[in-house]
């Protein structure tokens, strides 16, 4: 069984660190071996250069060309319904559960017992 998640143009990635932590982006262009130009118009992330160390690759890809515009990325994202596919994954469900747990008070945790 080989590696299936390659860094490629159109790969959907999860931001694991930084101010946009927890949001999805699409790799629009690979700049060098450490950085990529990413755009996340449907998740509220502006087009920016991100380090690969802050990205976690998902199994989703969209078909775009190198350096695609934000409007093109938005159209393909909505056509492929990436947000709904992401919400169905166990990874996204686990992230939402962790977010709920972090907002719980001590009394809320006590009520769960």
Protein backbone atom coordinates (compact mmCIF):
# COMPACT_ATOMS: atom_id res chain seq x y z
CA UNK A 1 0.00 0.00 0.00
CA UNK A 2 1.61 3.20 -1.18
CA UNK A 3 1.29 6.82 -0.21
CA UNK A 4 -1.87 8.42 -1.63
CA UNK A 5 -1.90 12.03 -0.38
CA UNK A 6 0.57 13.96 -2.50
CA UNK A 7 1.25 17.69 -2.45
CA UNK A 8 -0.33 18.77 -5.72
CA UNK A 9 -2.26 21.64 -7.21
CA UNK A 10 -5.89 21.24 -6.21
CA UNK A 11 -5.23 19.24 -3.03
CA UNK A 12 -7.48 20.30 -0.13
CA UNK A 13 -5.50 20.80 3.08
CA UNK A 14 -6.33 21.41 6.74
CA UNK A 15 -4.50 24.26 8.50
CA UNK A 16 -3.10 22.84 11.75
CA UNK A 17 -1.36 25.93 13.12
CA UNK A 18 -1.49 29.69 12.90
CA UNK A 19 -4.26 32.28 12.90
CA UNK A 20 -6.45 30.25 10.51
CA UNK A 21 -6.10 27.02 12.49
CA UNK A 22 -8.88 24.51 11.79
CA UNK A 23 -9.87 25.79 8.35
CA UNK A 24 -9.65 24.19 4.91
CA UNK A 25 -7.64 25.56 1.98
CA UNK A 26 -6.77 24.46 -1.54
CA UNK A 27 -3.19 24.37 -2.79
CA UNK A 28 -3.20 26.68 -5.81
CA UNK A 29 0.51 26.65 -6.57
CA UNK A 30 3.64 25.04 -5.13
CA UNK A 31 6.33 27.69 -4.67
CA UNK A 32 9.23 25.58 -3.41
CA UNK A 33 9.83 22.52 -1.27
CA UNK A 34 8.67 24.31 1.88
CA UNK A 35 5.82 26.63 0.83
CA UNK A 36 2.62 26.67 -1.20
CA UNK A 37 0.20 29.35 -2.35
CA UNK A 38 -3.13 28.43 -0.77
CA UNK A 39 -6.64 29.79 -1.10
CA UNK A 40 -9.71 29.04 0.99
CA UNK A 41 -12.55 31.22 -0.26
CA UNK A 42 -15.32 29.02 1.15
CA UNK A 43 -13.72 28.75 4.58
CA UNK A 44 -12.80 32.41 5.00
CA UNK A 45 -9.07 32.11 4.37
CA UNK A 46 -7.57 34.70 2.05
CA UNK A 47 -5.01 33.71 -0.57
CA UNK A 48 -1.63 33.43 1.12
CA UNK A 49 1.63 31.54 1.21
CA UNK A 50 1.61 28.77 3.82
CA UNK A 51 4.39 26.52 5.01
CA UNK A 52 3.87 22.79 4.49
CA UNK A 53 4.62 22.25 8.19
CA UNK A 54 1.34 24.01 9.04
CA UNK A 55 -0.74 22.01 6.53
CA UNK A 56 -2.21 18.54 6.85
CA UNK A 57 -3.28 17.02 3.54
CA UNK A 58 -6.77 15.58 3.17
CA UNK A 59 -8.01 12.92 0.75
CA UNK A 60 -9.93 15.50 -1.32
CA UNK A 61 -8.71 17.12 -4.52
CA UNK A 62 -10.36 19.53 -6.91
CA UNK A 63 -9.49 19.96 -10.56
CA UNK A 64 -7.97 23.42 -11.05
CA UNK A 65 -5.07 24.78 -13.04
CA UNK A 66 -1.90 26.26 -11.57
CA UNK A 67 -2.45 29.75 -10.17
CA UNK A 68 -6.24 29.54 -10.49
CA UNK A 69 -8.19 32.63 -9.47
CA UNK A 70 -10.24 32.75 -6.31
CA UNK A 71 -13.50 32.79 -8.28
CA UNK A 72 -12.48 29.63 -10.13
CA UNK A 73 -11.56 27.88 -6.88
CA UNK A 74 -14.92 28.89 -5.37
CA UNK A 75 -16.88 27.53 -8.34
CA UNK A 76 -15.10 24.18 -8.34
CA UNK A 77 -15.29 23.94 -4.52
CA UNK A 78 -19.06 24.41 -4.52
CA UNK A 79 -19.55 22.17 -7.57
CA UNK A 80 -17.62 19.31 -5.91
CA UNK A 81 -19.33 20.08 -2.56
CA UNK A 82 -16.09 19.82 -0.60
CA UNK A 83 -17.55 21.40 2.56
CA UNK A 84 -20.25 18.72 2.85
CA UNK A 85 -17.79 15.91 2.10
CA UNK A 86 -15.45 17.28 4.77
CA UNK A 87 -18.25 17.48 7.34
CA UNK A 88 -18.96 13.76 6.83
CA UNK A 89 -15.41 12.66 7.66
CA UNK A 90 -14.46 11.38 11.09
CA UNK A 91 -11.63 13.93 11.17
CA UNK A 92 -14.08 16.85 10.95
CA UNK A 93 -16.43 15.27 13.50
CA UNK A 94 -13.55 14.83 15.94
CA UNK A 95 -12.51 18.47 15.44
CA UNK A 96 -16.03 19.69 16.20
CA UNK A 97 -16.23 17.50 19.32
CA UNK A 98 -12.93 18.92 20.57
CA UNK A 99 -14.21 22.45 19.99
CA UNK A 100 -17.34 21.70 22.02
CA UNK A 101 -15.28 20.20 24.83
CA UNK A 102 -13.03 23.25 24.98
CA UNK A 103 -16.02 25.54 25.47
CA UNK A 104 -17.52 23.42 28.26
CA UNK A 105 -17.38 24.63 31.84
CA UNK A 106 -16.60 22.49 34.85
CA UNK A 107 -20.30 22.10 35.60
CA UNK A 108 -21.03 20.95 32.02
CA UNK A 109 -18.38 18.26 32.33
CA UNK A 110 -19.88 17.20 35.67
CA UNK A 111 -23.35 16.85 34.09
CA UNK A 112 -21.93 14.42 31.49
CA UNK A 113 -20.79 12.01 34.18
